[in-house]
PDB file of N, CA and C in Angstrom:
ATOM      1  N   MET A   1     -33.561 338.133 217.845  1.00  0.00           N
ATOM      2  CA  MET A   1     -33.542 336.836 217.234  1.00  0.00           C
ATOM      3  C   MET A   1     -32.546 335.964 218.002  1.00  0.00           C
ATOM      4  N   ASN A   2     -32.943 334.753 218.273  1.00  0.00           N
ATOM      5  CA  ASN A   2     -32.068 333.836 218.998  1.00  0.00           C
ATOM      6  C   ASN A   2     -31.143 333.099 218.044  1.00  0.00           C
ATOM      7  N   GLU A   3     -29.865 333.152 218.373  1.00  0.00           N
ATOM      8  CA  GLU A   3     -28.906 332.398 217.574  1.00  0.00           C
ATOM      9  C   GLU A   3     -28.748 331.009 218.186  1.00  0.00           C
ATOM     10  N   PRO A   4     -28.622 330.003 217.366  1.00  0.00           N
ATOM     11  CA  PRO A   4     -28.471 328.649 217.931  1.00  0.00           C
ATOM     12  C   PRO A   4     -27.120 328.511 218.646  1.00  0.00           C
ATOM     13  N   THR A   5     -27.164 327.872 219.770  1.00  0.00           N
ATOM     14  CA  THR A   5     -25.923 327.663 220.507  1.00  0.00           C
ATOM     15  C   THR A   5     -25.160 326.504 219.873  1.00  0.00           C
ATOM     16  N   PRO A   6     -23.884 326.677 219.713  1.00  0.00           N
ATOM     17  CA  PRO A   6     -23.117 325.579 219.105  1.00  0.00           C
ATOM     18  C   PRO A   6     -23.037 324.393 220.057  1.00  0.00           C
ATOM     19  N   THR A   7     -23.165 323.227 219.490  1.00  0.00           N
ATOM     20  CA  THR A   7     -23.060 322.019 220.308  1.00  0.00           C
ATOM     21  C   THR A   7     -21.591 321.768 220.635  1.00  0.00           C
ATOM     22  N   PRO A   8     -21.323 321.337 221.851  1.00  0.00           N
ATOM     23  CA  PRO A   8     -19.920 321.080 222.191  1.00  0.00           C
ATOM     24  C   PRO A   8     -19.385 319.919 221.359  1.00  0.00           C
ATOM     25  N   SER A   9     -18.249 320.147 220.767  1.00  0.00           N
ATOM     26  CA  SER A   9     -17.668 319.106 219.928  1.00  0.00           C
ATOM     27  C   SER A   9     -16.984 318.058 220.800  1.00  0.00           C
ATOM     28  N   GLN A  10     -17.188 316.819 220.431  1.00  0.00           N
ATOM     29  CA  GLN A  10     -16.544 315.742 221.164  1.00  0.00           C
ATOM     30  C   GLN A  10     -15.138 315.557 220.629  1.00  0.00           C
ATOM     31  N   SER A  11     -14.268 315.174 221.533  1.00  0.00           N
ATOM     32  CA  SER A  11     -12.881 314.951 221.142  1.00  0.00           C
ATOM     33  C   SER A  11     -12.797 313.721 220.258  1.00  0.00           C
ATOM     34  N   ALA A  12     -11.976 313.805 219.239  1.00  0.00           N
ATOM     35  CA  ALA A  12     -11.781 312.652 218.362  1.00  0.00           C
ATOM     36  C   ALA A  12     -10.863 311.623 219.013  1.00  0.00           C
ATOM     37  N   PHE A  13     -10.161 312.033 220.063  1.00  0.00           N
ATOM     38  CA  PHE A  13      -9.226 311.116 220.719  1.00  0.00           C
ATOM     39  C   PHE A  13      -9.988 310.222 221.685  1.00  0.00           C
ATOM     40  N   PRO A  14      -9.849 308.902 221.567  1.00  0.00           N
ATOM     41  CA  PRO A  14     -10.629 307.997 222.415  1.00  0.00           C
ATOM     42  C   PRO A  14     -10.156 307.980 223.867  1.00  0.00           C
ATOM     43  N   LEU A  15     -11.088 307.698 224.752  1.00  0.00           N
ATOM     44  CA  LEU A  15     -10.787 307.659 226.177  1.00  0.00           C
ATOM     45  C   LEU A  15      -9.788 306.552 226.513  1.00  0.00           C
ATOM     46  N   TRP A  16      -9.911 305.408 225.849  1.00  0.00           N
ATOM     47  CA  TRP A  16      -8.990 304.314 226.134  1.00  0.00           C
ATOM     48  C   TRP A  16      -7.554 304.679 225.779  1.00  0.00           C
ATOM     49  N   GLY A  17      -7.364 305.571 224.845  1.00  0.00           N
ATOM     50  CA  GLY A  17      -6.019 306.036 224.528  1.00  0.00           C
ATOM     51  C   GLY A  17      -5.465 306.947 225.607  1.00  0.00           C
ATOM     52  N   THR A  18      -6.350 307.722 226.212  1.00  0.00           N
ATOM     53  CA  THR A  18      -5.940 308.606 227.300  1.00  0.00           C
ATOM     54  C   THR A  18      -5.524 307.813 228.532  1.00  0.00           C
ATOM     55  N   LEU A  19      -6.215 306.721 228.787  1.00  0.00           N
ATOM     56  CA  LEU A  19      -5.952 305.921 229.981  1.00  0.00           C
ATOM     57  C   LEU A  19      -4.916 304.826 229.773  1.00  0.00           C
ATOM     58  N   ALA A  20      -4.363 304.702 228.574  1.00  0.00           N
ATOM     59  CA  ALA A  20      -3.483 303.580 228.257  1.00  0.00           C
ATOM     60  C   ALA A  20      -2.181 303.596 229.068  1.00  0.00           C
ATOM     61  N   ILE A  21      -1.514 304.708 229.142  1.00  0.00           N
ATOM     62  CA  ILE A  21      -0.211 304.746 229.815  1.00  0.00           C
ATOM     63  C   ILE A  21      -0.359 304.608 231.331  1.00  0.00           C
ATOM     64  N   PRO A  22      -1.235 305.389 231.987  1.00  0.00           N
ATOM     65  CA  PRO A  22      -1.372 305.177 233.436  1.00  0.00           C
ATOM     66  C   PRO A  22      -1.920 303.797 233.776  1.00  0.00           C
ATOM     67  N   GLY A  23      -2.842 303.302 232.967  1.00  0.00           N
ATOM     68  CA  GLY A  23      -3.376 301.960 233.206  1.00  0.00           C
ATOM     69  C   GLY A  23      -2.314 300.891 233.032  1.00  0.00           C
ATOM     70  N   GLY A  24      -1.493 301.048 232.005  1.00  0.00           N
ATOM     71  CA  GLY A  24      -0.402 300.099 231.797  1.00  0.00           C
ATOM     72  C   GLY A  24       0.597 300.122 232.937  1.00  0.00           C
ATOM     73  N   LEU A  25       0.878 301.310 233.445  1.00  0.00           N
ATOM     74  CA  LEU A  25       1.804 301.425 234.572  1.00  0.00           C
ATOM     75  C   LEU A  25       1.242 300.725 235.810  1.00  0.00           C
ATOM     76  N   LEU A  26      -0.025 300.981 236.120  1.00  0.00           N
ATOM     77  CA  LEU A  26      -0.623 300.390 237.324  1.00  0.00           C
ATOM     78  C   LEU A  26      -0.771 298.879 237.206  1.00  0.00           C
ATOM     79  N   TRP A  27      -1.333 298.409 236.096  1.00  0.00           N
ATOM     80  CA  TRP A  27      -1.520 296.973 235.923  1.00  0.00           C
ATOM     81  C   TRP A  27      -0.183 296.257 235.781  1.00  0.00           C
ATOM     82  N   GLY A  28       0.748 296.843 235.068  1.00  0.00           N
ATOM     83  CA  GLY A  28       2.063 296.214 234.922  1.00  0.00           C
ATOM     84  C   GLY A  28       2.785 296.087 236.246  1.00  0.00           C
ATOM     85  N   THR A  29       2.708 297.125 237.059  1.00  0.00           N
ATOM     86  CA  THR A  29       3.339 297.080 238.377  1.00  0.00           C
ATOM     87  C   THR A  29       2.684 296.022 239.252  1.00  0.00           C
ATOM     88  N   ALA A  30       1.360 295.975 239.240  1.00  0.00           N
ATOM     89  CA  ALA A  30       0.655 295.000 240.073  1.00  0.00           C
ATOM     90  C   ALA A  30       0.948 293.564 239.633  1.00  0.00           C
ATOM     91  N   LEU A  31       0.869 293.318 238.335  1.00  0.00           N
ATOM     92  CA  LEU A  31       1.136 291.965 237.852  1.00  0.00           C
ATOM     93  C   LEU A  31       2.605 291.592 238.020  1.00  0.00           C
ATOM     94  N   GLY A  32       3.487 292.545 237.799  1.00  0.00           N
ATOM     95  CA  GLY A  32       4.911 292.289 237.997  1.00  0.00           C
ATOM     96  C   GLY A  32       5.244 292.027 239.458  1.00  0.00           C
ATOM     97  N   ALA A  33       4.595 292.754 240.352  1.00  0.00           N
ATOM     98  CA  ALA A  33       4.818 292.517 241.777  1.00  0.00           C
ATOM     99  C   ALA A  33       4.323 291.137 242.170  1.00  0.00           C
ATOM    100  N   GLY A  34       3.199 290.732 241.616  1.00  0.00           N
ATOM    101  CA  GLY A  34       2.697 289.381 241.882  1.00  0.00           C
ATOM    102  C   GLY A  34       3.650 288.312 241.381  1.00  0.00           C
ATOM    103  N   ALA A  35       4.160 288.512 240.174  1.00  0.00           N
ATOM    104  CA  ALA A  35       5.133 287.553 239.636  1.00  0.00           C
ATOM    105  C   ALA A  35       6.429 287.591 240.436  1.00  0.00           C
ATOM    106  N   GLY A  36       6.847 288.783 240.841  1.00  0.00           N
ATOM    107  CA  GLY A  36       8.057 288.896 241.651  1.00  0.00           C
ATOM    108  C   GLY A  36       7.895 288.245 243.008  1.00  0.00           C
ATOM    109  N   LEU A  37       6.729 288.354 243.583  1.00  0.00           N
ATOM    110  CA  LEU A  37       6.455 287.698 244.862  1.00  0.00           C
ATOM    111  C   LEU A  37       6.500 286.179 244.698  1.00  0.00           C
ATOM    112  N   TYR A  38       5.973 285.702 243.600  1.00  0.00           N
ATOM    113  CA  TYR A  38       5.987 284.260 243.329  1.00  0.00           C
ATOM    114  C   TYR A  38       7.410 283.748 243.121  1.00  0.00           C
ATOM    115  N   PHE A  39       8.221 284.526 242.388  1.00  0.00           N
ATOM    116  CA  PHE A  39       9.577 284.079 242.076  1.00  0.00           C
ATOM    117  C   PHE A  39      10.610 284.518 243.109  1.00  0.00           C
ATOM    118  N   GLY A  40      10.217 285.296 244.099  1.00  0.00           N
ATOM    119  CA  GLY A  40      11.117 285.565 245.209  1.00  0.00           C
ATOM    120  C   GLY A  40      11.662 286.968 245.330  1.00  0.00           C
ATOM    121  N   ASN A  41      11.404 287.872 244.388  1.00  0.00           N
ATOM    122  CA  ASN A  41      11.916 289.229 244.519  1.00  0.00           C
ATOM    123  C   ASN A  41      10.841 290.211 244.069  1.00  0.00           C
ATOM    124  N   LEU A  42      10.153 290.756 245.038  1.00  0.00           N
ATOM    125  CA  LEU A  42       9.017 291.640 244.776  1.00  0.00           C
ATOM    126  C   LEU A  42       9.424 292.907 244.036  1.00  0.00           C
ATOM    127  N   ALA A  43      10.520 293.543 244.455  1.00  0.00           N
ATOM    128  CA  ALA A  43      10.920 294.835 243.888  1.00  0.00           C
ATOM    129  C   ALA A  43      11.308 294.702 242.416  1.00  0.00           C
ATOM    130  N   ILE A  44      12.106 293.705 242.107  1.00  0.00           N
ATOM    131  CA  ILE A  44      12.527 293.541 240.714  1.00  0.00           C
ATOM    132  C   ILE A  44      11.338 293.181 239.836  1.00  0.00           C
ATOM    133  N   GLY A  45      10.457 292.343 240.332  1.00  0.00           N
ATOM    134  CA  GLY A  45       9.256 292.004 239.568  1.00  0.00           C
ATOM    135  C   GLY A  45       8.393 293.221 239.313  1.00  0.00           C
ATOM    136  N   ALA A  46       8.232 294.071 240.327  1.00  0.00           N
ATOM    137  CA  ALA A  46       7.422 295.279 240.149  1.00  0.00           C
ATOM    138  C   ALA A  46       8.059 296.233 239.148  1.00  0.00           C
ATOM    139  N   LEU A  47       9.376 296.377 239.197  1.00  0.00           N
ATOM    140  CA  LEU A  47      10.053 297.271 238.249  1.00  0.00           C
ATOM    141  C   LEU A  47       9.969 296.755 236.818  1.00  0.00           C
ATOM    142  N   ILE A  48      10.177 295.463 236.646  1.00  0.00           N
ATOM    143  CA  ILE A  48      10.080 294.893 235.297  1.00  0.00           C
ATOM    144  C   ILE A  48       8.637 294.988 234.795  1.00  0.00           C
ATOM    145  N   GLY A  49       7.687 294.706 235.664  1.00  0.00           N
ATOM    146  CA  GLY A  49       6.276 294.815 235.280  1.00  0.00           C
ATOM    147  C   GLY A  49       5.891 296.236 234.917  1.00  0.00           C
ATOM    148  N   ALA A  50       6.398 297.212 235.666  1.00  0.00           N
ATOM    149  CA  ALA A  50       6.098 298.610 235.354  1.00  0.00           C
ATOM    150  C   ALA A  50       6.664 298.992 233.990  1.00  0.00           C
ATOM    151  N   GLY A  51       7.868 298.541 233.707  1.00  0.00           N
ATOM    152  CA  GLY A  51       8.468 298.828 232.402  1.00  0.00           C
ATOM    153  C   GLY A  51       7.675 298.214 231.263  1.00  0.00           C
ATOM    154  N   LEU A  52       7.269 296.962 231.450  1.00  0.00           N
ATOM    155  CA  LEU A  52       6.470 296.309 230.409  1.00  0.00           C
ATOM    156  C   LEU A  52       5.091 296.965 230.290  1.00  0.00           C
ATOM    157  N   GLY A  53       4.521 297.385 231.411  1.00  0.00           N
ATOM    158  CA  GLY A  53       3.221 298.048 231.376  1.00  0.00           C
ATOM    159  C   GLY A  53       3.269 299.380 230.655  1.00  0.00           C
ATOM    160  N   ILE A  54       4.323 300.147 230.888  1.00  0.00           N
ATOM    161  CA  ILE A  54       4.459 301.428 230.189  1.00  0.00           C
ATOM    162  C   ILE A  54       4.674 301.197 228.698  1.00  0.00           C
ATOM    163  N   GLY A  55       5.473 300.192 228.358  1.00  0.00           N
ATOM    164  CA  GLY A  55       5.683 299.876 226.938  1.00  0.00           C
ATOM    165  C   GLY A  55       4.395 299.486 226.245  1.00  0.00           C
ATOM    166  N   THR A  56       3.591 298.673 226.910  1.00  0.00           N
ATOM    167  CA  THR A  56       2.301 298.288 226.350  1.00  0.00           C
ATOM    168  C   THR A  56       1.369 299.489 226.265  1.00  0.00           C
ATOM    169  N   GLY A  57       1.389 300.326 227.303  1.00  0.00           N
ATOM    170  CA  GLY A  57       0.561 301.527 227.292  1.00  0.00           C
ATOM    171  C   GLY A  57       0.932 302.470 226.154  1.00  0.00           C
ATOM    172  N   LEU A  58       2.219 302.590 225.873  1.00  0.00           N
ATOM    173  CA  LEU A  58       2.653 303.441 224.759  1.00  0.00           C
ATOM    174  C   LEU A  58       2.197 302.875 223.418  1.00  0.00           C
ATOM    175  N   ALA A  59       2.212 301.554 223.281  1.00  0.00           N
ATOM    176  CA  ALA A  59       1.745 300.939 222.037  1.00  0.00           C
ATOM    177  C   ALA A  59       0.250 301.186 221.841  1.00  0.00           C
ATOM    178  N   VAL A  60      -0.530 301.062 222.911  1.00  0.00           N
ATOM    179  CA  VAL A  60      -1.970 301.322 222.823  1.00  0.00           C
ATOM    180  C   VAL A  60      -2.225 302.809 222.567  1.00  0.00           C
ATOM    181  N   PHE A  61      -1.427 303.667 223.188  1.00  0.00           N
ATOM    182  CA  PHE A  61      -1.538 305.106 222.962  1.00  0.00           C
ATOM    183  C   PHE A  61      -1.258 305.447 221.498  1.00  0.00           C
ATOM    184  N   ALA A  62      -0.251 304.817 220.914  1.00  0.00           N
ATOM    185  CA  ALA A  62       0.048 305.045 219.492  1.00  0.00           C
ATOM    186  C   ALA A  62      -1.098 304.583 218.618  1.00  0.00           C
ATOM    187  N   ALA A  63      -1.725 303.468 218.981  1.00  0.00           N
ATOM    188  CA  ALA A  63      -2.890 303.005 218.206  1.00  0.00           C
ATOM    189  C   ALA A  63      -4.028 304.015 218.315  1.00  0.00           C
ATOM    190  N   ALA A  64      -4.211 304.618 219.481  1.00  0.00           N
ATOM    191  CA  ALA A  64      -5.260 305.618 219.646  1.00  0.00           C
ATOM    192  C   ALA A  64      -4.973 306.860 218.800  1.00  0.00           C
ATOM    193  N   ILE A  65      -3.703 307.218 218.672  1.00  0.00           N
ATOM    194  CA  ILE A  65      -3.347 308.352 217.819  1.00  0.00           C
ATOM    195  C   ILE A  65      -3.690 308.061 216.363  1.00  0.00           C
ATOM    196  N   VAL A  66      -3.402 306.841 215.930  1.00  0.00           N
ATOM    197  CA  VAL A  66      -3.710 306.452 214.548  1.00  0.00           C
ATOM    198  C   VAL A  66      -5.219 306.475 214.322  1.00  0.00           C
ATOM    199  N   ILE A  67      -5.979 305.958 215.263  1.00  0.00           N
ATOM    200  CA  ILE A  67      -7.440 305.958 215.136  1.00  0.00           C
ATOM    201  C   ILE A  67      -7.967 307.391 215.101  1.00  0.00           C
ATOM    202  N   ALA A  68      -7.454 308.235 216.002  1.00  0.00           N
ATOM    203  CA  ALA A  68      -7.935 309.615 216.080  1.00  0.00           C
ATOM    204  C   ALA A  68      -7.566 310.407 214.841  1.00  0.00           C
ATOM    205  N   SER A  69      -6.440 310.088 214.225  1.00  0.00           N
ATOM    206  CA  SER A  69      -6.058 310.837 213.031  1.00  0.00           C
ATOM    207  C   SER A  69      -6.920 310.502 211.835  1.00  0.00           C
ATOM    208  N   GLY A  70      -7.572 309.348 211.872  1.00  0.00           N
ATOM    209  CA  GLY A  70      -8.451 308.971 210.773  1.00  0.00           C
ATOM    210  C   GLY A  70      -9.846 309.556 210.872  1.00  0.00           C
ATOM    211  N   LYS A  71     -10.216 310.057 212.054  1.00  0.00           N
ATOM    212  CA  LYS A  71     -11.554 310.639 212.233  1.00  0.00           C
ATOM    213  C   LYS A  71     -11.547 312.090 211.780  1.00  0.00           C
ATOM    214  N   THR A  72     -12.644 312.497 211.228  1.00  0.00           N
ATOM    215  CA  THR A  72     -12.752 313.897 210.790  1.00  0.00           C
ATOM    216  C   THR A  72     -13.808 314.624 211.552  1.00  0.00           C
TER     217      THR A  72
END
């Protein structure tokens, strides 16, 4: 007798939550470097942008945790 194969369960954690921190780091660095280039100091702009990008990424990651905890 053939037993039914279990279907692979999908993760309740959303993909956008997984990509939030690295995406925030990359976009924040790029935008910060652009602003730093405009205002005259590329390195400081990139560092500030990276910090803001990681902070934003962590906020989006926390939202993904809240969403995932509500799914059953």
